[in-house]
Amino acid sequence: MTAFVLGVDAGGTSTRALAVGVDGAVLGTGRAGGANPNSHPPEEAVANLAAAIRAAVPFPERASACVVGMAGTSKLTDPAFAALFERGWRDLGLDRVVILTDAEVAFASATDAPDGTVLIAGTGSIAGRIRKRRMVATQGGYGWLLGDEGSGFWLGREAVRATLAALGHDGELGPLATAVLAEAGIDGTDRRYAWRRLITVANAEAPIRLARFAPLVAVTDPVATDIVERGADLLVRTALATREPDEETPVVLVGSVLGPDTRIGERVRAKLTGLDVRTSSDGVYGAAWLAAVEAFGEATARRAG
């Protein structure tokens, strides 16, 4: 078999692996359960990584290099966790494994530039400064209690807050408030009851579950438009805070909130007009390309996902 490398995207829901040749051609793919060490027991995370890799190629020990993009890399600062992962690599016969953040492989999935900015907005939000394909500084990423401005959580919380405000006033409820009440399973006929019930429903769940209301800001409603505009401003501010003045490097957008077909994604792109804005295709392709660069050098062809 031709020389190949392995790229792995280890997320909370699933783990995907690619075996890629020198020419960038995909030679094999694999999928298994999630391997984020923050949300899975370490033994389970290691087992899922191994399963995805072995599904991609039956002889991983022949790989010239392996790059793993992983959410929750901070867990590997725990020596016990790190030892389990090291044992997993040895069992696979891999002796050249580089573990990166999911942000770093997402950036590489969209551009071959070594420097730039990555802006991630899903349930949470964070921006990172990329230098030589590694994240060297961040803005945001503090979690729902301390930050995550412009994220799915933030959008959902603002939608619920706006609905509570609307319920406290006379006048017809707008499309956003109506949609929020429907999502929460609440009849809005009795406004006082609906107000109390929405507070109860929102507080009964884990705070991060407020993100389920985020898609509702897509409705045509001036209140929703205001939320989208404020969220886009916050995300752009977060991204620009990681950049040098007059920097011309790419900005890579990642996450469900920033998709090109979302209202907030459209507004963020509009506010970044004049910059080289890219959309991450698929982190596993970024991981595979970075592994190829690690093994074969900078001239390696990059395959878009």
Protein backbone atom coordinates (compact mmCIF):
# COMPACT_ATOMS: atom_id res chain seq x y z
CA MET A 1 0.00 0.00 0.00
CA THR A 2 1.13 3.56 -0.73
CA ALA A 3 2.45 5.69 2.11
CA PHE A 4 -0.39 7.19 4.10
CA VAL A 5 -1.25 9.22 7.19
CA LEU A 6 -4.18 9.26 9.58
CA GLY A 7 -6.37 12.20 10.50
CA VAL A 8 -8.88 11.91 13.32
CA ASP A 9 -11.65 14.24 14.51
CA ALA A 10 -12.62 13.21 18.05
CA GLY A 11 -15.80 14.97 19.10
CA GLY A 12 -18.36 14.52 21.81
CA THR A 13 -20.89 12.70 19.61
CA SER A 14 -18.70 10.76 17.20
CA THR A 15 -15.11 10.06 16.21
CA ARG A 16 -14.13 9.99 12.55
CA ALA A 17 -10.87 8.87 11.00
CA LEU A 18 -9.39 9.24 7.51
CA ALA A 19 -6.47 7.45 5.93
CA VAL A 20 -4.98 9.76 3.30
CA GLY A 21 -2.23 9.12 0.76
CA VAL A 22 0.64 11.37 -0.31
CA ASP A 23 -1.50 12.80 -3.14
CA GLY A 24 -4.33 13.72 -0.76
CA ALA A 25 -6.58 10.89 -1.90
CA VAL A 26 -8.76 9.32 0.80
CA LEU A 27 -7.82 5.67 1.18
CA GLY A 28 -10.18 4.73 4.00
CA THR A 29 -12.70 6.13 6.47
CA GLY A 30 -13.86 5.06 9.91
CA ARG A 31 -16.42 6.16 12.46
CA ALA A 32 -17.06 5.30 16.10
CA GLY A 33 -18.60 6.82 19.22
CA GLY A 34 -17.47 10.07 20.80
CA ALA A 35 -13.98 10.47 22.26
CA ASN A 36 -14.05 13.83 24.01
CA PRO A 37 -12.34 13.09 27.34
CA ASN A 38 -14.43 15.80 29.01
CA SER A 39 -17.67 13.97 28.23
CA HIS A 40 -16.59 10.32 28.04
CA PRO A 41 -14.71 8.06 30.45
CA PRO A 42 -11.09 7.88 29.28
CA GLU A 43 -11.23 4.13 28.60
CA GLU A 44 -14.28 4.65 26.38
CA ALA A 45 -12.67 7.58 24.57
CA VAL A 46 -9.53 5.55 23.83
CA ALA A 47 -11.59 2.57 22.66
CA ASN A 48 -13.62 4.74 20.30
CA LEU A 49 -10.49 6.34 18.87
CA ALA A 50 -9.04 2.91 18.21
CA ALA A 51 -12.27 1.66 16.64
CA ALA A 52 -12.49 4.60 14.24
CA ILE A 53 -8.83 4.29 13.24
CA ARG A 54 -9.02 0.53 12.67
CA ALA A 55 -12.17 1.00 10.60
CA ALA A 56 -10.30 3.46 8.38
CA VAL A 57 -7.31 1.18 7.87
CA PRO A 58 -6.61 -2.36 9.14
CA PHE A 59 -2.91 -1.70 9.67
CA PRO A 60 -2.58 1.67 11.44
CA GLU A 61 0.97 0.83 12.49
CA ARG A 62 2.05 1.60 8.91
CA ALA A 63 0.86 5.21 9.10
CA SER A 64 3.62 7.76 8.58
CA ALA A 65 1.94 10.13 11.05
CA CYS A 66 -1.35 10.65 12.86
CA VAL A 67 -2.98 13.93 13.87
CA VAL A 68 -5.93 13.89 16.24
CA GLY A 69 -8.12 16.96 16.53
CA MET A 70 -9.89 16.72 19.85
CA ALA A 71 -12.36 18.71 21.91
CA GLY A 72 -11.38 18.58 25.56
CA THR A 73 -7.60 18.40 25.12
CA SER A 74 -7.15 20.05 28.52
CA LYS A 75 -7.98 16.70 30.13
CA LEU A 76 -4.70 15.33 28.79
CA THR A 77 -2.82 17.49 31.27
CA ASP A 78 -3.92 14.87 33.82
CA PRO A 79 -1.09 12.29 33.87
CA ALA A 80 -3.53 9.41 34.36
CA PHE A 81 -5.55 10.41 31.30
CA ALA A 82 -2.42 11.01 29.25
CA ALA A 83 -1.04 7.57 30.16
CA LEU A 84 -4.23 5.86 28.95
CA PHE A 85 -4.06 7.63 25.62
CA GLU A 86 -0.36 6.84 25.21
CA ARG A 87 -1.12 3.18 25.84
CA GLY A 88 -3.86 3.36 23.22
CA TRP A 89 -1.43 4.70 20.61
CA ARG A 90 1.08 1.97 21.44
CA ASP A 91 -1.59 -0.72 21.10
CA LEU A 92 -2.35 0.62 17.61
CA GLY A 93 1.34 0.62 16.73
CA LEU A 94 1.36 4.39 16.25
CA ASP A 95 4.57 6.11 17.23
CA ARG A 96 4.00 9.52 15.65
CA VAL A 97 0.81 11.03 17.07
CA VAL A 98 0.13 14.75 17.37
CA ILE A 99 -2.91 15.83 19.39
CA LEU A 100 -4.35 19.24 18.50
CA THR A 101 -7.46 21.14 19.46
CA ASP A 102 -10.58 20.88 17.34
CA ALA A 103 -10.09 24.59 16.51
CA GLU A 104 -6.67 23.96 14.96
CA VAL A 105 -7.84 21.16 12.68
CA ALA A 106 -10.96 23.14 11.74
CA PHE A 107 -8.75 26.05 10.66
CA ALA A 108 -6.62 23.72 8.53
CA SER A 109 -9.73 22.26 6.88
CA ALA A 110 -10.46 25.64 5.29
CA THR A 111 -7.04 27.01 4.34
CA ASP A 112 -3.42 26.01 3.90
CA ALA A 113 -2.32 29.35 5.37
CA PRO A 114 -0.18 28.87 8.49
CA ASP A 115 -1.52 31.98 10.25
CA GLY A 116 -4.96 33.44 10.80
CA THR A 117 -8.01 33.47 13.03
CA VAL A 118 -10.54 30.79 13.88
CA LEU A 119 -13.96 31.78 15.21
CA ILE A 120 -16.12 29.01 16.63
CA ALA A 121 -19.76 29.43 17.57
CA GLY A 122 -21.91 26.44 18.39
CA THR A 123 -23.42 25.93 21.81
CA GLY A 124 -20.48 27.99 23.11
CA SER A 125 -18.13 30.46 21.43
CA ILE A 126 -14.40 31.15 21.25
CA ALA A 127 -11.91 32.78 18.89
CA GLY A 128 -8.28 31.84 18.49
CA ARG A 129 -5.15 33.31 16.94
CA ILE A 130 -3.41 30.75 14.74
CA ARG A 131 0.33 30.97 14.16
CA LYS A 132 2.25 28.24 12.33
CA ARG A 133 -0.97 26.18 12.44
CA ARG A 134 -1.14 26.23 16.22
CA MET A 135 -3.47 28.26 18.42
CA VAL A 136 -1.32 30.68 20.41
CA ALA A 137 -3.97 32.95 21.97
CA THR A 138 -7.71 32.93 22.56
CA GLN A 139 -10.61 35.24 23.28
CA GLY A 140 -13.79 33.94 24.88
CA GLY A 141 -14.39 30.28 25.54
CA TYR A 142 -15.24 30.93 29.18
CA GLY A 143 -18.43 28.85 29.23
CA TRP A 144 -22.05 29.87 29.61
CA LEU A 145 -21.70 31.41 33.07
CA LEU A 146 -18.83 33.76 32.24
CA GLY A 147 -19.14 34.32 28.52
CA ASP A 148 -20.01 32.45 25.30
CA GLU A 149 -21.29 35.69 23.78
CA GLY A 150 -23.03 35.22 20.44
CA SER A 151 -23.18 31.45 20.90
CA GLY A 152 -26.19 29.15 20.64
CA PHE A 153 -26.59 29.42 24.41
CA TRP A 154 -26.46 33.22 24.27
CA LEU A 155 -28.96 33.42 21.40
CA GLY A 156 -31.35 31.05 23.14
CA ARG A 157 -31.12 32.90 26.43
CA GLU A 158 -31.78 36.23 24.73
CA ALA A 159 -34.80 34.75 22.93
CA VAL A 160 -36.26 33.54 26.23
CA ARG A 161 -35.54 36.86 27.95
CA ALA A 162 -37.21 38.76 25.13
CA THR A 163 -40.25 36.49 25.40
CA LEU A 164 -40.52 37.10 29.13
CA ALA A 165 -40.36 40.84 28.49
CA ALA A 166 -43.11 40.56 25.85
CA LEU A 167 -45.32 38.56 28.22
CA GLY A 168 -45.05 41.36 30.75
CA HIS A 169 -46.59 43.92 28.40
CA ASP A 170 -49.89 44.34 26.62
CA GLY A 171 -50.15 43.88 22.89
CA GLU A 172 -49.96 40.97 20.52
CA LEU A 173 -47.05 38.58 20.95
CA GLY A 174 -44.61 38.67 18.06
CA PRO A 175 -43.36 35.70 16.02
CA LEU A 176 -40.30 35.14 18.23
CA ALA A 177 -42.24 35.05 21.50
CA THR A 178 -44.84 32.78 19.93
CA ALA A 179 -42.13 30.41 18.69
CA VAL A 180 -40.38 30.32 22.08
CA LEU A 181 -43.61 29.45 23.89
CA ALA A 182 -44.34 26.71 21.36
CA GLU A 183 -40.84 25.25 21.78
CA ALA A 184 -41.32 25.27 25.56
CA GLY A 185 -44.74 23.64 25.25
CA ILE A 186 -46.57 26.57 26.83
CA ASP A 187 -49.98 27.98 25.93
CA GLY A 188 -49.68 31.76 25.83
CA THR A 189 -53.38 32.53 26.26
CA ASP A 190 -52.97 33.37 29.95
CA ARG A 191 -49.93 35.65 29.86
CA ARG A 192 -49.30 35.67 33.58
CA TYR A 193 -49.34 31.88 33.68
CA ALA A 194 -47.15 31.66 30.56
CA TRP A 195 -44.63 34.07 32.12
CA ARG A 196 -44.35 31.99 35.30
CA ARG A 197 -44.28 28.72 33.39
CA LEU A 198 -41.51 29.83 31.00
CA ILE A 199 -39.33 30.84 33.94
CA THR A 200 -39.96 27.44 35.53
CA VAL A 201 -39.22 25.50 32.33
CA ALA A 202 -36.02 27.45 31.60
CA ASN A 203 -34.68 27.01 35.13
CA ALA A 204 -35.63 23.34 35.41
CA GLU A 205 -33.13 22.33 32.71
CA ALA A 206 -29.36 22.55 32.59
CA PRO A 207 -28.54 26.18 31.66
CA ILE A 208 -26.80 25.15 28.45
CA ARG A 209 -30.13 23.72 27.23
CA LEU A 210 -31.22 27.27 26.50
CA ALA A 211 -29.33 26.76 23.23
CA ARG A 212 -32.35 24.82 21.94
CA PHE A 213 -34.15 28.16 21.50
CA ALA A 214 -31.34 29.61 19.36
CA PRO A 215 -32.70 28.54 15.95
CA LEU A 216 -35.88 30.50 16.67
CA VAL A 217 -34.11 33.83 16.10
CA ALA A 218 -34.35 33.01 12.38
CA VAL A 219 -38.01 34.14 12.39
CA THR A 220 -38.95 37.42 10.75
CA ASP A 221 -39.37 39.62 13.79
CA PRO A 222 -37.67 42.91 14.75
CA VAL A 223 -36.91 41.52 18.21
CA ALA A 224 -35.18 38.50 16.67
CA THR A 225 -33.31 40.77 14.26
CA ASP A 226 -32.00 42.81 17.18
CA ILE A 227 -30.76 39.64 18.92
CA VAL A 228 -29.04 38.45 15.75
CA GLU A 229 -27.40 41.83 15.20
CA ARG A 230 -26.11 42.02 18.77
CA GLY A 231 -24.87 38.44 18.64
CA ALA A 232 -23.04 39.06 15.36
CA ASP A 233 -21.41 42.18 16.81
CA LEU A 234 -20.20 40.21 19.83
CA LEU A 235 -18.76 37.41 17.71
CA VAL A 236 -16.98 39.79 15.35
CA ARG A 237 -15.56 41.70 18.30
CA THR A 238 -14.31 38.43 19.78
CA ALA A 239 -12.64 37.43 16.52
CA LEU A 240 -11.03 40.81 15.89
CA ALA A 241 -9.62 40.88 19.41
CA THR A 242 -7.29 38.03 18.42
CA ARG A 243 -5.92 39.82 15.34
CA GLU A 244 -3.10 42.29 14.84
CA PRO A 245 -3.97 45.71 13.36
CA ASP A 246 -4.23 45.51 9.55
CA GLU A 247 -3.77 41.73 9.62
CA GLU A 248 -4.73 40.17 6.28
CA THR A 249 -4.69 36.48 7.19
CA PRO A 250 -7.80 34.28 6.75
CA VAL A 251 -10.66 34.14 9.22
CA VAL A 252 -12.16 30.64 9.41
CA LEU A 253 -15.71 30.30 10.71
CA VAL A 254 -16.70 27.09 12.48
CA GLY A 255 -19.89 25.81 14.08
CA SER A 256 -23.64 25.58 13.59
CA VAL A 257 -24.31 29.21 14.54
CA LEU A 258 -21.92 30.48 11.85
CA GLY A 259 -23.16 28.41 8.93
CA PRO A 260 -23.53 30.37 5.67
CA ASP A 261 -27.28 29.70 5.71
CA THR A 262 -27.92 31.11 9.20
CA ARG A 263 -28.99 34.71 9.84
CA ILE A 264 -26.18 35.33 12.29
CA GLY A 265 -23.67 33.65 9.97
CA GLU A 266 -24.74 36.01 7.20
CA ARG A 267 -24.40 39.04 9.46
CA VAL A 268 -20.97 38.00 10.74
CA ARG A 269 -19.73 37.60 7.16
CA ALA A 270 -21.15 41.00 6.24
CA LYS A 271 -19.40 42.63 9.19
CA LEU A 272 -16.11 40.99 8.18
CA THR A 273 -16.30 42.27 4.60
CA GLY A 274 -12.82 43.04 3.31
CA LEU A 275 -11.23 40.10 5.11
CA ASP A 276 -10.54 36.65 3.67
CA VAL A 277 -13.40 34.77 5.36
CA ARG A 278 -13.58 31.00 4.97
CA THR A 279 -15.95 28.32 6.28
CA SER A 280 -14.56 25.17 7.86
CA SER A 281 -15.53 22.19 5.76
CA ASP A 282 -14.85 19.27 8.07
CA GLY A 283 -12.26 19.06 10.82
CA VAL A 284 -11.28 15.51 9.97
CA TYR A 285 -9.92 16.69 6.60
CA GLY A 286 -7.91 19.36 8.37
CA ALA A 287 -6.47 16.72 10.72
CA ALA A 288 -5.57 14.47 7.80
CA TRP A 289 -3.87 17.28 5.90
CA LEU A 290 -1.88 18.36 8.95
CA ALA A 291 -0.77 14.74 9.39
CA ALA A 292 0.35 14.71 5.75
CA VAL A 293 2.30 17.94 6.25
CA GLU A 294 3.87 16.39 9.35
CA ALA A 295 4.97 13.33 7.38
CA PHE A 296 5.51 14.51 3.82
CA GLY A 297 6.18 18.26 4.04
CA GLU A 298 4.51 21.54 3.17
CA ALA A 299 4.03 20.72 -0.51
CA THR A 300 1.46 18.04 0.30
CA ALA A 301 -1.81 18.44 -1.58
CA ARG A 302 -4.73 19.53 0.60
CA ARG A 303 -8.05 17.89 -0.07
CA ALA A 304 -11.14 19.93 0.74
CA GLY A 305 -13.90 18.15 2.67
